[in-house]
Amino acid sequence: MKARHVAPRCPAWLKGDAKQIWKAYAGMLEDCGVLTEGDFRQLADLCILEARVHQVTAELLNQSVMVEDFRGNQVPNPLIKLEADLLQRVRMMRSDFGLNPSARTKVDVQPVRQKSEMEKLIS
């Protein structure tokens, strides 16, 4: 069975930044013919991860790069590693959808052709 190239509805449980990211990606990916109904979970995961990157980055901007550990030693802020790990995962997921220049060369992106009025009537 072939999945239809249509943006799945945004899940009701997706909130805040993740919901805004969904709106930005879903239409663009649908227009490129990349998104199908079966991509619901993976797109939701990408949106959640990207929202977390925004949250961690915003928090990190308000903190020092070095923090004090429980012994009083200066150590790198653990948010730096968390941010890097989240960014790596986001990059991998974006690549799955063809959302970076090198990935677009590997993904067969074809705009979805809209049915004419006549095609709609006979289908």
PDB file of N, CA and C in Angstrom:
ATOM      1  N   MET A   1       0.849  -1.174   0.000  1.00  0.00           N
ATOM      2  CA  MET A   1       0.000   0.000   0.000  1.00  0.00           C
ATOM      3  C   MET A   1       0.894   1.236   0.000  1.00  0.00           C
ATOM      4  N   LYS A   2       0.564   2.187  -0.842  1.00  0.00           N
ATOM      5  CA  LYS A   2       1.346   3.408  -0.954  1.00  0.00           C
ATOM      6  C   LYS A   2       0.709   4.505  -0.113  1.00  0.00           C
ATOM      7  N   ALA A   3       1.520   5.161   0.719  1.00  0.00           N
ATOM      8  CA  ALA A   3       1.019   6.243   1.578  1.00  0.00           C
ATOM      9  C   ALA A   3       0.750   7.482   0.735  1.00  0.00           C
ATOM     10  N   ARG A   4      -0.309   8.191   1.083  1.00  0.00           N
ATOM     11  CA  ARG A   4      -0.639   9.427   0.378  1.00  0.00           C
ATOM     12  C   ARG A   4       0.307  10.543   0.809  1.00  0.00           C
ATOM     13  N   HIS A   5       0.705  11.363  -0.155  1.00  0.00           N
ATOM     14  CA  HIS A   5       1.559  12.515   0.135  1.00  0.00           C
ATOM     15  C   HIS A   5       0.689  13.656   0.637  1.00  0.00           C
ATOM     16  N   VAL A   6       0.476  13.665   1.927  1.00  0.00           N
ATOM     17  CA  VAL A   6      -0.350  14.688   2.555  1.00  0.00           C
ATOM     18  C   VAL A   6       0.173  14.886   3.976  1.00  0.00           C
ATOM     19  N   ALA A   7       0.143  16.108   4.426  1.00  0.00           N
ATOM     20  CA  ALA A   7       0.633  16.385   5.786  1.00  0.00           C
ATOM     21  C   ALA A   7      -0.345  15.820   6.810  1.00  0.00           C
ATOM     22  N   PRO A   8       0.145  14.995   7.726  1.00  0.00           N
ATOM     23  CA  PRO A   8      -0.723  14.530   8.797  1.00  0.00           C
ATOM     24  C   PRO A   8      -1.108  15.709   9.692  1.00  0.00           C
ATOM     25  N   ARG A   9      -2.235  15.598  10.346  1.00  0.00           N
ATOM     26  CA  ARG A   9      -2.677  16.658  11.252  1.00  0.00           C
ATOM     27  C   ARG A   9      -1.712  16.769  12.436  1.00  0.00           C
ATOM     28  N   CYS A  10      -1.522  17.980  12.898  1.00  0.00           N
ATOM     29  CA  CYS A  10      -0.680  18.212  14.068  1.00  0.00           C
ATOM     30  C   CYS A  10      -1.330  17.545  15.273  1.00  0.00           C
ATOM     31  N   PRO A  11      -0.593  16.721  16.002  1.00  0.00           N
ATOM     32  CA  PRO A  11      -1.176  16.064  17.178  1.00  0.00           C
ATOM     33  C   PRO A  11      -1.603  17.086  18.229  1.00  0.00           C
ATOM     34  N   ALA A  12      -2.725  16.834  18.857  1.00  0.00           N
ATOM     35  CA  ALA A  12      -3.260  17.755  19.866  1.00  0.00           C
ATOM     36  C   ALA A  12      -2.312  17.916  21.046  1.00  0.00           C
ATOM     37  N   TRP A  13      -1.519  16.882  21.329  1.00  0.00           N
ATOM     38  CA  TRP A  13      -0.623  16.933  22.489  1.00  0.00           C
ATOM     39  C   TRP A  13       0.668  17.706  22.206  1.00  0.00           C
ATOM     40  N   LEU A  14       0.903  18.106  20.965  1.00  0.00           N
ATOM     41  CA  LEU A  14       2.084  18.902  20.636  1.00  0.00           C
ATOM     42  C   LEU A  14       1.789  20.349  21.012  1.00  0.00           C
ATOM     43  N   LYS A  15       2.620  20.933  21.839  1.00  0.00           N
ATOM     44  CA  LYS A  15       2.360  22.273  22.382  1.00  0.00           C
ATOM     45  C   LYS A  15       3.534  23.217  22.128  1.00  0.00           C
ATOM     46  N   GLY A  16       3.255  24.497  22.302  1.00  0.00           N
ATOM     47  CA  GLY A  16       4.296  25.533  22.303  1.00  0.00           C
ATOM     48  C   GLY A  16       5.149  25.559  21.057  1.00  0.00           C
ATOM     49  N   ASP A  17       6.474  25.657  21.272  1.00  0.00           N
ATOM     50  CA  ASP A  17       7.424  25.730  20.161  1.00  0.00           C
ATOM     51  C   ASP A  17       7.307  24.533  19.229  1.00  0.00           C
ATOM     52  N   ALA A  18       7.089  23.346  19.800  1.00  0.00           N
ATOM     53  CA  ALA A  18       7.002  22.135  18.978  1.00  0.00           C
ATOM     54  C   ALA A  18       5.842  22.243  17.980  1.00  0.00           C
ATOM     55  N   LYS A  19       4.734  22.807  18.411  1.00  0.00           N
ATOM     56  CA  LYS A  19       3.573  22.974  17.527  1.00  0.00           C
ATOM     57  C   LYS A  19       3.887  23.980  16.415  1.00  0.00           C
ATOM     58  N   GLN A  20       4.586  25.057  16.748  1.00  0.00           N
ATOM     59  CA  GLN A  20       4.962  26.046  15.745  1.00  0.00           C
ATOM     60  C   GLN A  20       5.946  25.458  14.729  1.00  0.00           C
ATOM     61  N   ILE A  21       6.864  24.639  15.211  1.00  0.00           N
ATOM     62  CA  ILE A  21       7.831  23.985  14.322  1.00  0.00           C
ATOM     63  C   ILE A  21       7.093  23.031  13.389  1.00  0.00           C
ATOM     64  N   TRP A  22       6.101  22.298  13.913  1.00  0.00           N
ATOM     65  CA  TRP A  22       5.280  21.398  13.090  1.00  0.00           C
ATOM     66  C   TRP A  22       4.647  22.189  11.938  1.00  0.00           C
ATOM     67  N   LYS A  23       4.038  23.307  12.282  1.00  0.00           N
ATOM     68  CA  LYS A  23       3.352  24.110  11.260  1.00  0.00           C
ATOM     69  C   LYS A  23       4.334  24.556  10.173  1.00  0.00           C
ATOM     70  N   ALA A  24       5.534  24.923  10.577  1.00  0.00           N
ATOM     71  CA  ALA A  24       6.538  25.377   9.611  1.00  0.00           C
ATOM     72  C   ALA A  24       6.991  24.239   8.697  1.00  0.00           C
ATOM     73  N   TYR A  25       7.229  23.076   9.267  1.00  0.00           N
ATOM     74  CA  TYR A  25       7.736  21.949   8.486  1.00  0.00           C
ATOM     75  C   TYR A  25       6.658  21.241   7.677  1.00  0.00           C
ATOM     76  N   ALA A  26       5.485  21.028   8.241  1.00  0.00           N
ATOM     77  CA  ALA A  26       4.469  20.193   7.597  1.00  0.00           C
ATOM     78  C   ALA A  26       4.085  20.710   6.217  1.00  0.00           C
ATOM     79  N   GLY A  27       3.787  21.978   6.112  1.00  0.00           N
ATOM     80  CA  GLY A  27       3.400  22.521   4.811  1.00  0.00           C
ATOM     81  C   GLY A  27       4.524  22.456   3.799  1.00  0.00           C
ATOM     82  N   MET A  28       5.723  22.796   4.241  1.00  0.00           N
ATOM     83  CA  MET A  28       6.874  22.782   3.347  1.00  0.00           C
ATOM     84  C   MET A  28       7.160  21.361   2.850  1.00  0.00           C
ATOM     85  N   LEU A  29       7.126  20.396   3.759  1.00  0.00           N
ATOM     86  CA  LEU A  29       7.411  19.011   3.378  1.00  0.00           C
ATOM     87  C   LEU A  29       6.307  18.432   2.505  1.00  0.00           C
ATOM     88  N   GLU A  30       5.075  18.822   2.773  1.00  0.00           N
ATOM     89  CA  GLU A  30       3.967  18.359   1.932  1.00  0.00           C
ATOM     90  C   GLU A  30       4.113  18.920   0.520  1.00  0.00           C
ATOM     91  N   ASP A  31       4.447  20.199   0.406  1.00  0.00           N
ATOM     92  CA  ASP A  31       4.618  20.830  -0.907  1.00  0.00           C
ATOM     93  C   ASP A  31       5.732  20.159  -1.717  1.00  0.00           C
ATOM     94  N   CYS A  32       6.741  19.654  -1.029  1.00  0.00           N
ATOM     95  CA  CYS A  32       7.854  18.989  -1.706  1.00  0.00           C
ATOM     96  C   CYS A  32       7.538  17.536  -2.053  1.00  0.00           C
ATOM     97  N   GLY A  33       6.415  17.038  -1.563  1.00  0.00           N
ATOM     98  CA  GLY A  33       6.043  15.654  -1.840  1.00  0.00           C
ATOM     99  C   GLY A  33       6.808  14.651  -1.003  1.00  0.00           C
ATOM    100  N   VAL A  34       7.378  15.089   0.105  1.00  0.00           N
ATOM    101  CA  VAL A  34       8.176  14.218   0.964  1.00  0.00           C
ATOM    102  C   VAL A  34       7.336  13.626   2.099  1.00  0.00           C
ATOM    103  N   LEU A  35       6.376  14.371   2.566  1.00  0.00           N
ATOM    104  CA  LEU A  35       5.618  13.993   3.759  1.00  0.00           C
ATOM    105  C   LEU A  35       4.405  13.141   3.404  1.00  0.00           C
ATOM    106  N   THR A  36       4.228  12.056   4.163  1.00  0.00           N
ATOM    107  CA  THR A  36       3.046  11.210   4.003  1.00  0.00           C
ATOM    108  C   THR A  36       2.358  11.056   5.356  1.00  0.00           C
ATOM    109  N   GLU A  37       1.172  10.483   5.329  1.00  0.00           N
ATOM    110  CA  GLU A  37       0.418  10.259   6.560  1.00  0.00           C
ATOM    111  C   GLU A  37       1.209   9.403   7.552  1.00  0.00           C
ATOM    112  N   GLY A  38       2.060   8.524   7.045  1.00  0.00           N
ATOM    113  CA  GLY A  38       2.835   7.625   7.900  1.00  0.00           C
ATOM    114  C   GLY A  38       4.002   8.286   8.612  1.00  0.00           C
ATOM    115  N   ASP A  39       4.281   9.540   8.296  1.00  0.00           N
ATOM    116  CA  ASP A  39       5.414  10.241   8.894  1.00  0.00           C
ATOM    117  C   ASP A  39       5.048  11.003  10.156  1.00  0.00           C
ATOM    118  N   PHE A  40       3.831  10.825  10.608  1.00  0.00           N
ATOM    119  CA  PHE A  40       3.298  11.549  11.771  1.00  0.00           C
ATOM    120  C   PHE A  40       4.241  11.488  12.974  1.00  0.00           C
ATOM    121  N   ARG A  41       4.637  10.302  13.388  1.00  0.00           N
ATOM    122  CA  ARG A  41       5.434  10.152  14.615  1.00  0.00           C
ATOM    123  C   ARG A  41       6.834  10.736  14.447  1.00  0.00           C
ATOM    124  N   GLN A  42       7.446  10.476  13.318  1.00  0.00           N
ATOM    125  CA  GLN A  42       8.811  10.969  13.120  1.00  0.00           C
ATOM    126  C   GLN A  42       8.835  12.498  13.043  1.00  0.00           C
ATOM    127  N   LEU A  43       7.843  13.087  12.397  1.00  0.00           N
ATOM    128  CA  LEU A  43       7.785  14.549  12.343  1.00  0.00           C
ATOM    129  C   LEU A  43       7.532  15.120  13.740  1.00  0.00           C
ATOM    130  N   ALA A  44       6.671  14.490  14.506  1.00  0.00           N
ATOM    131  CA  ALA A  44       6.413  14.943  15.881  1.00  0.00           C
ATOM    132  C   ALA A  44       7.697  14.871  16.711  1.00  0.00           C
ATOM    133  N   ASP A  45       8.441  13.776  16.569  1.00  0.00           N
ATOM    134  CA  ASP A  45       9.705  13.634  17.308  1.00  0.00           C
ATOM    135  C   ASP A  45      10.685  14.735  16.933  1.00  0.00           C
ATOM    136  N   LEU A  46      10.790  15.027  15.638  1.00  0.00           N
ATOM    137  CA  LEU A  46      11.682  16.098  15.178  1.00  0.00           C
ATOM    138  C   LEU A  46      11.271  17.433  15.790  1.00  0.00           C
ATOM    139  N   CYS A  47       9.992  17.712  15.806  1.00  0.00           N
ATOM    140  CA  CYS A  47       9.499  18.985  16.348  1.00  0.00           C
ATOM    141  C   CYS A  47       9.776  19.095  17.848  1.00  0.00           C
ATOM    142  N   ILE A  48       9.582  18.008  18.572  1.00  0.00           N
ATOM    143  CA  ILE A  48       9.859  17.993  20.020  1.00  0.00           C
ATOM    144  C   ILE A  48      11.341  18.224  20.273  1.00  0.00           C
ATOM    145  N   LEU A  49      12.191  17.520  19.537  1.00  0.00           N
ATOM    146  CA  LEU A  49      13.640  17.681  19.713  1.00  0.00           C
ATOM    147  C   LEU A  49      14.083  19.099  19.384  1.00  0.00           C
ATOM    148  N   GLU A  50      13.548  19.643  18.305  1.00  0.00           N
ATOM    149  CA  GLU A  50      13.948  20.998  17.930  1.00  0.00           C
ATOM    150  C   GLU A  50      13.487  22.011  18.976  1.00  0.00           C
ATOM    151  N   ALA A  51      12.311  21.816  19.534  1.00  0.00           N
ATOM    152  CA  ALA A  51      11.822  22.701  20.593  1.00  0.00           C
ATOM    153  C   ALA A  51      12.729  22.599  21.823  1.00  0.00           C
ATOM    154  N   ARG A  52      13.200  21.389  22.120  1.00  0.00           N
ATOM    155  CA  ARG A  52      14.113  21.213  23.260  1.00  0.00           C
ATOM    156  C   ARG A  52      15.446  21.900  23.006  1.00  0.00           C
ATOM    157  N   VAL A  53      15.921  21.858  21.774  1.00  0.00           N
ATOM    158  CA  VAL A  53      17.161  22.574  21.435  1.00  0.00           C
ATOM    159  C   VAL A  53      16.977  24.056  21.721  1.00  0.00           C
ATOM    160  N   HIS A  54      15.845  24.612  21.303  1.00  0.00           N
ATOM    161  CA  HIS A  54      15.572  26.036  21.555  1.00  0.00           C
ATOM    162  C   HIS A  54      15.569  26.327  23.051  1.00  0.00           C
ATOM    163  N   GLN A  55      14.933  25.444  23.812  1.00  0.00           N
ATOM    164  CA  GLN A  55      14.832  25.630  25.262  1.00  0.00           C
ATOM    165  C   GLN A  55      16.210  25.570  25.928  1.00  0.00           C
ATOM    166  N   VAL A  56      16.997  24.567  25.576  1.00  0.00           N
ATOM    167  CA  VAL A  56      18.333  24.406  26.171  1.00  0.00           C
ATOM    168  C   VAL A  56      19.238  25.562  25.760  1.00  0.00           C
ATOM    169  N   THR A  57      19.181  25.967  24.505  1.00  0.00           N
ATOM    170  CA  THR A  57      20.010  27.069  24.026  1.00  0.00           C
ATOM    171  C   THR A  57      19.660  28.362  24.752  1.00  0.00           C
ATOM    172  N   ALA A  58      18.367  28.627  24.915  1.00  0.00           N
ATOM    173  CA  ALA A  58      17.937  29.836  25.630  1.00  0.00           C
ATOM    174  C   ALA A  58      18.440  29.805  27.073  1.00  0.00           C
ATOM    175  N   GLU A  59      18.357  28.664  27.714  1.00  0.00           N
ATOM    176  CA  GLU A  59      18.839  28.534  29.096  1.00  0.00           C
ATOM    177  C   GLU A  59      20.355  28.727  29.156  1.00  0.00           C
ATOM    178  N   LEU A  60      21.053  28.147  28.203  1.00  0.00           N
ATOM    179  CA  LEU A  60      22.512  28.242  28.170  1.00  0.00           C
ATOM    180  C   LEU A  60      22.977  29.678  27.947  1.00  0.00           C
ATOM    181  N   LEU A  61      22.231  30.436  27.179  1.00  0.00           N
ATOM    182  CA  LEU A  61      22.593  31.835  26.941  1.00  0.00           C
ATOM    183  C   LEU A  61      22.536  32.668  28.217  1.00  0.00           C
ATOM    184  N   ASN A  62      21.776  32.208  29.195  1.00  0.00           N
ATOM    185  CA  ASN A  62      21.662  32.907  30.475  1.00  0.00           C
ATOM    186  C   ASN A  62      22.620  32.368  31.530  1.00  0.00           C
ATOM    187  N   GLN A  63      23.430  31.408  31.156  1.00  0.00           N
ATOM    188  CA  GLN A  63      24.362  30.807  32.110  1.00  0.00           C
ATOM    189  C   GLN A  63      25.796  30.938  31.602  1.00  0.00           C
ATOM    190  N   SER A  64      26.700  30.649  32.490  1.00  0.00           N
ATOM    191  CA  SER A  64      28.114  30.667  32.147  1.00  0.00           C
ATOM    192  C   SER A  64      28.489  29.360  31.446  1.00  0.00           C
ATOM    193  N   VAL A  65      29.510  29.430  30.616  1.00  0.00           N
ATOM    194  CA  VAL A  65      30.018  28.234  29.950  1.00  0.00           C
ATOM    195  C   VAL A  65      30.645  27.297  30.974  1.00  0.00           C
ATOM    196  N   MET A  66      31.230  27.868  32.004  1.00  0.00           N
ATOM    197  CA  MET A  66      31.814  27.072  33.093  1.00  0.00           C
ATOM    198  C   MET A  66      30.927  27.221  34.334  1.00  0.00           C
ATOM    199  N   VAL A  67      30.733  26.111  35.031  1.00  0.00           N
ATOM    200  CA  VAL A  67      29.946  26.119  36.265  1.00  0.00           C
ATOM    201  C   VAL A  67      30.742  25.408  37.352  1.00  0.00           C
ATOM    202  N   GLU A  68      30.288  25.566  38.555  1.00  0.00           N
ATOM    203  CA  GLU A  68      30.962  24.937  39.693  1.00  0.00           C
ATOM    204  C   GLU A  68      30.301  23.593  39.985  1.00  0.00           C
ATOM    205  N   ASP A  69      31.138  22.539  40.132  1.00  0.00           N
ATOM    206  CA  ASP A  69      30.572  21.234  40.480  1.00  0.00           C
ATOM    207  C   ASP A  69      30.406  21.128  41.995  1.00  0.00           C
ATOM    208  N   PHE A  70      29.993  19.965  42.483  1.00  0.00           N
ATOM    209  CA  PHE A  70      29.711  19.797  43.920  1.00  0.00           C
ATOM    210  C   PHE A  70      30.965  19.901  44.783  1.00  0.00           C
ATOM    211  N   ARG A  71      32.158  19.791  44.172  1.00  0.00           N
ATOM    212  CA  ARG A  71      33.406  19.936  44.927  1.00  0.00           C
ATOM    213  C   ARG A  71      33.942  21.359  44.875  1.00  0.00           C
ATOM    214  N   GLY A  72      33.281  22.220  44.116  1.00  0.00           N
ATOM    215  CA  GLY A  72      33.741  23.592  43.990  1.00  0.00           C
ATOM    216  C   GLY A  72      34.678  23.812  42.819  1.00  0.00           C
ATOM    217  N   ASN A  73      34.872  22.802  41.989  1.00  0.00           N
ATOM    218  CA  ASN A  73      35.738  22.928  40.810  1.00  0.00           C
ATOM    219  C   ASN A  73      34.966  23.502  39.635  1.00  0.00           C
ATOM    220  N   GLN A  74      35.663  24.255  38.791  1.00  0.00           N
ATOM    221  CA  GLN A  74      35.055  24.781  37.577  1.00  0.00           C
ATOM    222  C   GLN A  74      35.036  23.685  36.505  1.00  0.00           C
ATOM    223  N   VAL A  75      33.866  23.407  35.980  1.00  0.00           N
ATOM    224  CA  VAL A  75      33.698  22.379  34.944  1.00  0.00           C
ATOM    225  C   VAL A  75      32.813  22.963  33.834  1.00  0.00           C
ATOM    226  N   PRO A  76      32.912  22.380  32.639  1.00  0.00           N
ATOM    227  CA  PRO A  76      32.027  22.853  31.562  1.00  0.00           C
ATOM    228  C   PRO A  76      30.552  22.656  31.942  1.00  0.00           C
ATOM    229  N   ASN A  77      29.739  23.607  31.590  1.00  0.00           N
ATOM    230  CA  ASN A  77      28.315  23.526  31.856  1.00  0.00           C
ATOM    231  C   ASN A  77      27.742  22.288  31.151  1.00  0.00           C
ATOM    232  N   PRO A  78      27.056  21.401  31.871  1.00  0.00           N
ATOM    233  CA  PRO A  78      26.502  20.190  31.256  1.00  0.00           C
ATOM    234  C   PRO A  78      25.479  20.482  30.153  1.00  0.00           C
ATOM    235  N   LEU A  79      24.903  21.672  30.147  1.00  0.00           N
ATOM    236  CA  LEU A  79      23.958  22.022  29.087  1.00  0.00           C
ATOM    237  C   LEU A  79      24.640  22.090  27.721  1.00  0.00           C
ATOM    238  N   ILE A  80      25.954  22.345  27.706  1.00  0.00           N
ATOM    239  CA  ILE A  80      26.687  22.402  26.438  1.00  0.00           C
ATOM    240  C   ILE A  80      26.648  21.043  25.755  1.00  0.00           C
ATOM    241  N   LYS A  81      26.902  19.981  26.519  1.00  0.00           N
ATOM    242  CA  LYS A  81      26.859  18.626  25.946  1.00  0.00           C
ATOM    243  C   LYS A  81      25.438  18.250  25.563  1.00  0.00           C
ATOM    244  N   LEU A  82      24.469  18.585  26.396  1.00  0.00           N
ATOM    245  CA  LEU A  82      23.077  18.290  26.084  1.00  0.00           C
ATOM    246  C   LEU A  82      22.669  18.979  24.785  1.00  0.00           C
ATOM    247  N   GLU A  83      23.042  20.246  24.643  1.00  0.00           N
ATOM    248  CA  GLU A  83      22.717  20.991  23.429  1.00  0.00           C
ATOM    249  C   GLU A  83      23.350  20.331  22.197  1.00  0.00           C
ATOM    250  N   ALA A  84      24.619  19.952  22.310  1.00  0.00           N
ATOM    251  CA  ALA A  84      25.317  19.318  21.189  1.00  0.00           C
ATOM    252  C   ALA A  84      24.664  17.984  20.820  1.00  0.00           C
ATOM    253  N   ASP A  85      24.296  17.193  21.828  1.00  0.00           N
ATOM    254  CA  ASP A  85      23.647  15.902  21.577  1.00  0.00           C
ATOM    255  C   ASP A  85      22.291  16.087  20.901  1.00  0.00           C
ATOM    256  N   LEU A  86      21.512  17.037  21.385  1.00  0.00           N
ATOM    257  CA  LEU A  86      20.201  17.305  20.789  1.00  0.00           C
ATOM    258  C   LEU A  86      20.350  17.802  19.352  1.00  0.00           C
ATOM    259  N   LEU A  87      21.318  18.696  19.118  1.00  0.00           N
ATOM    260  CA  LEU A  87      21.541  19.205  17.761  1.00  0.00           C
ATOM    261  C   LEU A  87      21.935  18.093  16.798  1.00  0.00           C
ATOM    262  N   GLN A  88      22.744  17.169  17.268  1.00  0.00           N
ATOM    263  CA  GLN A  88      23.151  16.038  16.423  1.00  0.00           C
ATOM    264  C   GLN A  88      21.938  15.194  16.034  1.00  0.00           C
ATOM    265  N   ARG A  89      21.065  14.924  16.997  1.00  0.00           N
ATOM    266  CA  ARG A  89      19.856  14.146  16.718  1.00  0.00           C
ATOM    267  C   ARG A  89      18.925  14.886  15.774  1.00  0.00           C
ATOM    268  N   VAL A  90      18.797  16.203  15.964  1.00  0.00           N
ATOM    269  CA  VAL A  90      17.950  17.008  15.078  1.00  0.00           C
ATOM    270  C   VAL A  90      18.509  16.974  13.660  1.00  0.00           C
ATOM    271  N   ARG A  91      19.812  17.117  13.517  1.00  0.00           N
ATOM    272  CA  ARG A  91      20.425  17.089  12.184  1.00  0.00           C
ATOM    273  C   ARG A  91      20.156  15.763  11.480  1.00  0.00           C
ATOM    274  N   MET A  92      20.251  14.671  12.218  1.00  0.00           N
ATOM    275  CA  MET A  92      19.993  13.349  11.636  1.00  0.00           C
ATOM    276  C   MET A  92      18.536  13.240  11.179  1.00  0.00           C
ATOM    277  N   MET A  93      17.613  13.717  12.003  1.00  0.00           N
ATOM    278  CA  MET A  93      16.202  13.632  11.648  1.00  0.00           C
ATOM    279  C   MET A  93      15.857  14.574  10.492  1.00  0.00           C
ATOM    280  N   ARG A  94      16.448  15.751  10.478  1.00  0.00           N
ATOM    281  CA  ARG A  94      16.225  16.668   9.356  1.00  0.00           C
ATOM    282  C   ARG A  94      16.686  16.019   8.058  1.00  0.00           C
ATOM    283  N   SER A  95      17.799  15.318   8.141  1.00  0.00           N
ATOM    284  CA  SER A  95      18.336  14.644   6.967  1.00  0.00           C
ATOM    285  C   SER A  95      17.343  13.609   6.431  1.00  0.00           C
ATOM    286  N   ASP A  96      16.660  12.909   7.321  1.00  0.00           N
ATOM    287  CA  ASP A  96      15.662  11.922   6.894  1.00  0.00           C
ATOM    288  C   ASP A  96      14.565  12.550   6.043  1.00  0.00           C
ATOM    289  N   PHE A  97      14.257  13.805   6.317  1.00  0.00           N
ATOM    290  CA  PHE A  97      13.217  14.511   5.571  1.00  0.00           C
ATOM    291  C   PHE A  97      13.777  15.344   4.418  1.00  0.00           C
ATOM    292  N   GLY A  98      15.091  15.285   4.208  1.00  0.00           N
ATOM    293  CA  GLY A  98      15.701  16.054   3.132  1.00  0.00           C
ATOM    294  C   GLY A  98      15.805  17.536   3.447  1.00  0.00           C
ATOM    295  N   LEU A  99      15.987  17.857   4.734  1.00  0.00           N
ATOM    296  CA  LEU A  99      15.998  19.255   5.154  1.00  0.00           C
ATOM    297  C   LEU A  99      17.390  19.852   5.310  1.00  0.00           C
ATOM    298  N   ASN A 100      18.355  19.323   4.603  1.00  0.00           N
ATOM    299  CA  ASN A 100      19.660  19.967   4.522  1.00  0.00           C
ATOM    300  C   ASN A 100      20.198  19.748   3.111  1.00  0.00           C
ATOM    301  N   PRO A 101      21.138  20.563   2.681  1.00  0.00           N
ATOM    302  CA  PRO A 101      21.580  20.504   1.277  1.00  0.00           C
ATOM    303  C   PRO A 101      22.066  19.134   0.817  1.00  0.00           C
ATOM    304  N   SER A 102      22.860  18.443   1.619  1.00  0.00           N
ATOM    305  CA  SER A 102      23.363  17.144   1.162  1.00  0.00           C
ATOM    306  C   SER A 102      22.256  16.099   1.155  1.00  0.00           C
ATOM    307  N   ALA A 103      21.332  16.173   2.088  1.00  0.00           N
ATOM    308  CA  ALA A 103      20.229  15.202   2.129  1.00  0.00           C
ATOM    309  C   ALA A 103      19.290  15.382   0.947  1.00  0.00           C
ATOM    310  N   ARG A 104      19.121  16.617   0.486  1.00  0.00           N
ATOM    311  CA  ARG A 104      18.216  16.861  -0.643  1.00  0.00           C
ATOM    312  C   ARG A 104      18.699  16.175  -1.913  1.00  0.00           C
ATOM    313  N   THR A 105      20.002  15.933  -2.011  1.00  0.00           N
ATOM    314  CA  THR A 105      20.505  15.239  -3.196  1.00  0.00           C
ATOM    315  C   THR A 105      20.164  13.762  -3.153  1.00  0.00           C
ATOM    316  N   LYS A 106      19.824  13.244  -1.970  1.00  0.00           N
ATOM    317  CA  LYS A 106      19.514  11.817  -1.805  1.00  0.00           C
ATOM    318  C   LYS A 106      18.021  11.528  -1.752  1.00  0.00           C
ATOM    319  N   VAL A 107      17.216  12.552  -1.469  1.00  0.00           N
ATOM    320  CA  VAL A 107      15.771  12.378  -1.347  1.00  0.00           C
ATOM    321  C   VAL A 107      15.115  12.796  -2.650  1.00  0.00           C
ATOM    322  N   ASP A 108      14.241  11.943  -3.168  1.00  0.00           N
ATOM    323  CA  ASP A 108      13.529  12.249  -4.404  1.00  0.00           C
ATOM    324  C   ASP A 108      12.383  13.193  -4.081  1.00  0.00           C
ATOM    325  N   VAL A 109      12.662  14.486  -4.171  1.00  0.00           N
ATOM    326  CA  VAL A 109      11.675  15.504  -3.832  1.00  0.00           C
ATOM    327  C   VAL A 109      10.970  15.930  -5.106  1.00  0.00           C
ATOM    328  N   GLN A 110       9.679  15.663  -5.160  1.00  0.00           N
ATOM    329  CA  GLN A 110       8.871  16.016  -6.315  1.00  0.00           C
ATOM    330  C   GLN A 110       7.639  16.758  -5.826  1.00  0.00           C
ATOM    331  N   PRO A 111       7.402  17.965  -6.323  1.00  0.00           N
ATOM    332  CA  PRO A 111       6.199  18.671  -5.917  1.00  0.00           C
ATOM    333  C   PRO A 111       4.963  17.841  -6.231  1.00  0.00           C
ATOM    334  N   VAL A 112       4.007  17.860  -5.341  1.00  0.00           N
ATOM    335  CA  VAL A 112       2.768  17.121  -5.536  1.00  0.00           C
ATOM    336  C   VAL A 112       1.894  17.910  -6.500  1.00  0.00           C
ATOM    337  N   ARG A 113       1.486  17.273  -7.583  1.00  0.00           N
ATOM    338  CA  ARG A 113       0.646  17.923  -8.578  1.00  0.00           C
ATOM    339  C   ARG A 113      -0.794  17.920  -8.097  1.00  0.00           C
ATOM    340  N   GLN A 114      -1.401  19.060  -8.131  1.00  0.00           N
ATOM    341  CA  GLN A 114      -2.803  19.192  -7.742  1.00  0.00           C
ATOM    342  C   GLN A 114      -3.685  18.631  -8.858  1.00  0.00           C
ATOM    343  N   LYS A 115      -4.751  17.941  -8.479  1.00  0.00           N
ATOM    344  CA  LYS A 115      -5.694  17.398  -9.459  1.00  0.00           C
ATOM    345  C   LYS A 115      -6.490  18.542 -10.073  1.00  0.00           C
ATOM    346  N   SER A 116      -6.741  18.413 -11.359  1.00  0.00           N
ATOM    347  CA  SER A 116      -7.592  19.388 -12.034  1.00  0.00           C
ATOM    348  C   SER A 116      -9.027  19.142 -11.606  1.00  0.00           C
ATOM    349  N   GLU A 117      -9.899  20.092 -11.910  1.00  0.00           N
ATOM    350  CA  GLU A 117     -11.317  19.943 -11.569  1.00  0.00           C
ATOM    351  C   GLU A 117     -11.892  18.699 -12.225  1.00  0.00           C
ATOM    352  N   MET A 118     -11.507  18.411 -13.459  1.00  0.00           N
ATOM    353  CA  MET A 118     -12.009  17.243 -14.180  1.00  0.00           C
ATOM    354  C   MET A 118     -11.533  15.955 -13.503  1.00  0.00           C
ATOM    355  N   GLU A 119     -10.268  15.908 -13.106  1.00  0.00           N
ATOM    356  CA  GLU A 119      -9.735  14.731 -12.425  1.00  0.00           C
ATOM    357  C   GLU A 119     -10.447  14.500 -11.098  1.00  0.00           C
ATOM    358  N   LYS A 120     -10.779  15.576 -10.399  1.00  0.00           N
ATOM    359  CA  LYS A 120     -11.498  15.452  -9.143  1.00  0.00           C
ATOM    360  C   LYS A 120     -12.890  14.859  -9.354  1.00  0.00           C
ATOM    361  N   LEU A 121     -13.537  15.262 -10.422  1.00  0.00           N
ATOM    362  CA  LEU A 121     -14.890  14.780 -10.716  1.00  0.00           C
ATOM    363  C   LEU A 121     -14.911  13.301 -11.054  1.00  0.00           C
ATOM    364  N   ILE A 122     -13.914  12.819 -11.782  1.00  0.00           N
ATOM    365  CA  ILE A 122     -13.934  11.427 -12.224  1.00  0.00           C
ATOM    366  C   ILE A 122     -13.259  10.474 -11.240  1.00  0.00           C
ATOM    367  N   SER A 123     -12.617  10.999 -10.207  1.00  0.00           N
ATOM    368  CA  SER A 123     -11.967  10.083  -9.249  1.00  0.00           C
ATOM    369  C   SER A 123     -12.844   9.758  -8.079  1.00  0.00           C
TER     370      SER A 123
END
